Amino acid sequence: MKIEILGTGCAKCKSLEKNVRQAVSDLGMKAEIVKVEDMNEIIEHGVMVTPALFIDGKSVSVGKLLTVEDVKKLLAVRK
């Protein structure tokens, strides 16, 4: 599983990355977690508002700071 966190480094983006890492750890999952901060790459994903979360190339959240529990729910359906 590949998880991408798209954001330029703002507080919400950093918090989302922390929450994703915690959720993956709590669930005992193996995942490649990638932080995408390059604005051109973010735009290539079609994202205009950050933070954004992609799982296996699919957008699952844009413009929201998800909690650890929110992320766990998204990951659970993809196990």
C-alpha atoms as a PDB file:
ATOM      1  CA  MET A   1       0.000   0.000   0.000  1.00  0.00           C
ATOM      2  CA  LYS A   2       1.265   3.453  -0.898  1.00  0.00           C
ATOM      3  CA  ILE A   3       0.013   6.439   1.064  1.00  0.00           C
ATOM      4  CA  GLU A   4       0.768   9.940  -0.166  1.00  0.00           C
ATOM      5  CA  ILE A   5       0.317  13.054   1.951  1.00  0.00           C
ATOM      6  CA  LEU A   6       0.242  16.149  -0.242  1.00  0.00           C
ATOM      7  CA  GLY A   7       1.002  19.491   1.333  1.00  0.00           C
ATOM      8  CA  THR A   8       3.488  22.312   1.288  1.00  0.00           C
ATOM      9  CA  GLY A   9       4.563  21.957   4.914  1.00  0.00           C
ATOM     10  CA  CYS A  10       1.851  23.901   6.729  1.00  0.00           C
ATOM     11  CA  ALA A  11       0.764  22.902  10.240  1.00  0.00           C
ATOM     12  CA  LYS A  12      -2.274  20.955   8.960  1.00  0.00           C
ATOM     13  CA  CYS A  13      -0.126  19.048   6.482  1.00  0.00           C
ATOM     14  CA  LYS A  14       2.377  18.103   9.175  1.00  0.00           C
ATOM     15  CA  SER A  15      -0.442  17.040  11.499  1.00  0.00           C
ATOM     16  CA  LEU A  16      -1.996  14.877   8.793  1.00  0.00           C
ATOM     17  CA  GLU A  17       1.341  13.145   8.218  1.00  0.00           C
ATOM     18  CA  LYS A  18       1.665  12.491  11.950  1.00  0.00           C
ATOM     19  CA  ASN A  19      -1.905  11.139  12.118  1.00  0.00           C
ATOM     20  CA  VAL A  20      -1.354   8.868   9.104  1.00  0.00           C
ATOM     21  CA  ARG A  21       1.840   7.442  10.585  1.00  0.00           C
ATOM     22  CA  GLN A  22       0.071   6.845  13.906  1.00  0.00           C
ATOM     23  CA  ALA A  23      -2.898   5.141  12.248  1.00  0.00           C
ATOM     24  CA  VAL A  24      -0.646   2.846  10.198  1.00  0.00           C
ATOM     25  CA  SER A  25       1.307   1.969  13.341  1.00  0.00           C
ATOM     26  CA  ASP A  26      -1.833   1.374  15.421  1.00  0.00           C
ATOM     27  CA  LEU A  27      -3.237  -0.960  12.755  1.00  0.00           C
ATOM     28  CA  GLY A  28       0.062  -2.804  12.405  1.00  0.00           C
ATOM     29  CA  MET A  29      -0.005  -2.278   8.649  1.00  0.00           C
ATOM     30  CA  LYS A  30       2.876  -2.153   6.232  1.00  0.00           C
ATOM     31  CA  ALA A  31       2.675   0.881   4.005  1.00  0.00           C
ATOM     32  CA  GLU A  32       4.960   3.155   2.062  1.00  0.00           C
ATOM     33  CA  ILE A  33       4.242   6.670   3.338  1.00  0.00           C
ATOM     34  CA  VAL A  34       5.360   9.478   1.051  1.00  0.00           C
ATOM     35  CA  LYS A  35       5.206  13.205   1.821  1.00  0.00           C
ATOM     36  CA  VAL A  36       4.745  15.240  -1.370  1.00  0.00           C
ATOM     37  CA  GLU A  37       5.695  18.893  -0.887  1.00  0.00           C
ATOM     38  CA  ASP A  38       6.545  19.903  -4.460  1.00  0.00           C
ATOM     39  CA  MET A  39       3.801  22.233  -5.690  1.00  0.00           C
ATOM     40  CA  ASN A  40       4.069  21.022  -9.301  1.00  0.00           C
ATOM     41  CA  GLU A  41       3.613  17.421  -8.207  1.00  0.00           C
ATOM     42  CA  ILE A  42       0.655  18.395  -6.001  1.00  0.00           C
ATOM     43  CA  ILE A  43      -0.975  20.150  -8.966  1.00  0.00           C
ATOM     44  CA  GLU A  44      -0.283  17.100 -11.179  1.00  0.00           C
ATOM     45  CA  HIS A  45      -2.430  15.117  -8.733  1.00  0.00           C
ATOM     46  CA  GLY A  46      -5.248  17.612  -9.431  1.00  0.00           C
ATOM     47  CA  VAL A  47      -5.123  18.998  -5.896  1.00  0.00           C
ATOM     48  CA  MET A  48      -5.759  22.704  -5.364  1.00  0.00           C
ATOM     49  CA  VAL A  49      -6.336  22.641  -1.589  1.00  0.00           C
ATOM     50  CA  THR A  50      -4.068  20.922   0.912  1.00  0.00           C
ATOM     51  CA  PRO A  51      -3.639  18.807   2.866  1.00  0.00           C
ATOM     52  CA  ALA A  52      -4.637  15.916   0.635  1.00  0.00           C
ATOM     53  CA  LEU A  53      -4.413  12.185   1.169  1.00  0.00           C
ATOM     54  CA  PHE A  54      -4.023   9.586  -1.573  1.00  0.00           C
ATOM     55  CA  ILE A  55      -4.066   5.832  -1.005  1.00  0.00           C
ATOM     56  CA  ASP A  56      -2.750   3.660  -3.827  1.00  0.00           C
ATOM     57  CA  GLY A  57      -3.094   6.565  -6.255  1.00  0.00           C
ATOM     58  CA  LYS A  58      -6.683   7.421  -5.344  1.00  0.00           C
ATOM     59  CA  SER A  59      -7.738  10.653  -3.657  1.00  0.00           C
ATOM     60  CA  VAL A  60      -9.484   9.912  -0.360  1.00  0.00           C
ATOM     61  CA  SER A  61      -9.386  13.350   1.278  1.00  0.00           C
ATOM     62  CA  VAL A  62      -8.683  16.912   0.126  1.00  0.00           C
ATOM     63  CA  GLY A  63      -8.573  20.059   2.228  1.00  0.00           C
ATOM     64  CA  LYS A  64      -9.243  18.342   5.568  1.00  0.00           C
ATOM     65  CA  LEU A  65      -7.150  17.505   8.572  1.00  0.00           C
ATOM     66  CA  LEU A  66      -8.169  13.927   9.315  1.00  0.00           C
ATOM     67  CA  THR A  67      -7.891  12.522  12.814  1.00  0.00           C
ATOM     68  CA  VAL A  68      -6.075   9.270  13.538  1.00  0.00           C
ATOM     69  CA  GLU A  69      -9.488   7.562  13.767  1.00  0.00           C
ATOM     70  CA  ASP A  70     -10.576   9.014  10.397  1.00  0.00           C
ATOM     71  CA  VAL A  71      -7.426   7.640   8.772  1.00  0.00           C
ATOM     72  CA  LYS A  72      -7.908   4.243  10.418  1.00  0.00           C
ATOM     73  CA  LYS A  73     -11.395   4.013   8.912  1.00  0.00           C
ATOM     74  CA  LEU A  74     -10.049   4.808   5.442  1.00  0.00           C
ATOM     75  CA  LEU A  75      -7.272   2.241   5.807  1.00  0.00           C
ATOM     76  CA  ALA A  76      -9.493  -0.478   7.245  1.00  0.00           C
ATOM     77  CA  VAL A  77     -11.566  -0.734   4.070  1.00  0.00           C
ATOM     78  CA  ARG A  78      -8.366  -1.184   2.030  1.00  0.00           C
ATOM     79  CA  LYS A  79      -6.750  -3.955   4.098  1.00  0.00           C
END
